[in-house]
Amino acid sequence: MTPEPSNNPAAGGVLIAIGAIGGAMVGLFLGEPTKGFLLGIGAGIGMAIAIWVIDRRR
């Protein structure tokens, strides 16, 4: 018998959280914490979507 391939989905939610926190920290240093927070969330969502698309193709 051959073992079935694992069908565990990858999680990308941590990327959204890291993006939000990291963006806010960078924004604090640049004097625009809200802008950094929003850009960080956008980048995290983009990476999470990329992981989702790659995982769906597996």
C-alpha atoms as a PDB file:
ATOM      1  CA  MET A   1       0.000   0.000   0.000  1.00  0.00           C
ATOM      2  CA  THR A   2       1.197   3.490  -0.753  1.00  0.00           C
ATOM      3  CA  PRO A   3       0.624   6.163   1.879  1.00  0.00           C
ATOM      4  CA  GLU A   4      -1.781   8.933   0.978  1.00  0.00           C
ATOM      5  CA  PRO A   5      -0.245  12.382   0.569  1.00  0.00           C
ATOM      6  CA  SER A   6      -0.824  14.754   3.451  1.00  0.00           C
ATOM      7  CA  ASN A   7      -3.552  17.286   2.796  1.00  0.00           C
ATOM      8  CA  ASN A   8      -2.750  19.681   5.646  1.00  0.00           C
ATOM      9  CA  PRO A   9      -3.442  23.247   4.544  1.00  0.00           C
ATOM     10  CA  ALA A  10      -0.764  25.869   5.133  1.00  0.00           C
ATOM     11  CA  ALA A  11      -1.686  28.792   7.369  1.00  0.00           C
ATOM     12  CA  GLY A  12      -0.852  32.341   6.337  1.00  0.00           C
ATOM     13  CA  GLY A  13      -2.588  34.256   9.118  1.00  0.00           C
ATOM     14  CA  VAL A  14       0.639  34.724  11.032  1.00  0.00           C
ATOM     15  CA  LEU A  15       1.979  36.734   8.086  1.00  0.00           C
ATOM     16  CA  ILE A  16      -0.865  39.217   8.466  1.00  0.00           C
ATOM     17  CA  ALA A  17      -0.093  39.628  12.180  1.00  0.00           C
ATOM     18  CA  ILE A  18       3.651  39.990  11.596  1.00  0.00           C
ATOM     19  CA  GLY A  19       3.002  42.485   8.802  1.00  0.00           C
ATOM     20  CA  ALA A  20       0.724  44.588  10.998  1.00  0.00           C
ATOM     21  CA  ILE A  21       3.134  44.653  13.938  1.00  0.00           C
ATOM     22  CA  GLY A  22       6.225  45.147  11.790  1.00  0.00           C
ATOM     23  CA  GLY A  23       4.558  47.849   9.718  1.00  0.00           C
ATOM     24  CA  ALA A  24       3.475  49.737  12.824  1.00  0.00           C
ATOM     25  CA  MET A  25       7.001  49.567  14.236  1.00  0.00           C
ATOM     26  CA  VAL A  26       8.552  50.831  11.010  1.00  0.00           C
ATOM     27  CA  GLY A  27       5.864  53.494  10.808  1.00  0.00           C
ATOM     28  CA  LEU A  28       6.690  54.639  14.349  1.00  0.00           C
ATOM     29  CA  PHE A  29      10.297  55.240  13.342  1.00  0.00           C
ATOM     30  CA  LEU A  30       9.183  57.160  10.265  1.00  0.00           C
ATOM     31  CA  GLY A  31       6.564  59.185  12.133  1.00  0.00           C
ATOM     32  CA  GLU A  32       3.577  57.565  10.385  1.00  0.00           C
ATOM     33  CA  PRO A  33       2.445  54.569  12.481  1.00  0.00           C
ATOM     34  CA  THR A  34      -1.005  54.320  10.911  1.00  0.00           C
ATOM     35  CA  LYS A  35       0.384  54.345   7.388  1.00  0.00           C
ATOM     36  CA  GLY A  36       2.966  51.700   8.363  1.00  0.00           C
ATOM     37  CA  PHE A  37       0.280  49.573  10.014  1.00  0.00           C
ATOM     38  CA  LEU A  38      -1.949  49.674   6.937  1.00  0.00           C
ATOM     39  CA  LEU A  39       0.930  48.954   4.558  1.00  0.00           C
ATOM     40  CA  GLY A  40       2.053  46.082   6.800  1.00  0.00           C
ATOM     41  CA  ILE A  41      -1.432  44.591   6.818  1.00  0.00           C
ATOM     42  CA  GLY A  42      -1.579  44.941   3.035  1.00  0.00           C
ATOM     43  CA  ALA A  43       1.756  43.180   2.613  1.00  0.00           C
ATOM     44  CA  GLY A  44       0.713  40.438   5.055  1.00  0.00           C
ATOM     45  CA  ILE A  45      -2.577  39.879   3.247  1.00  0.00           C
ATOM     46  CA  GLY A  46      -0.704  39.692  -0.058  1.00  0.00           C
ATOM     47  CA  MET A  47       1.671  37.048   1.294  1.00  0.00           C
ATOM     48  CA  ALA A  48      -1.205  35.106   2.891  1.00  0.00           C
ATOM     49  CA  ILE A  49      -3.062  35.062  -0.434  1.00  0.00           C
ATOM     50  CA  ALA A  50       0.104  33.865  -2.183  1.00  0.00           C
ATOM     51  CA  ILE A  51       0.427  30.989   0.306  1.00  0.00           C
ATOM     52  CA  TRP A  52      -3.257  30.153  -0.159  1.00  0.00           C
ATOM     53  CA  VAL A  53      -2.910  30.056  -3.961  1.00  0.00           C
ATOM     54  CA  ILE A  54       0.230  27.906  -3.778  1.00  0.00           C
ATOM     55  CA  ASP A  55      -1.437  25.568  -1.260  1.00  0.00           C
ATOM     56  CA  ARG A  56      -4.529  25.166  -3.448  1.00  0.00           C
ATOM     57  CA  ARG A  57      -2.356  24.033  -6.362  1.00  0.00           C
ATOM     58  CA  ARG A  58      -0.739  21.268  -4.302  1.00  0.00           C
END
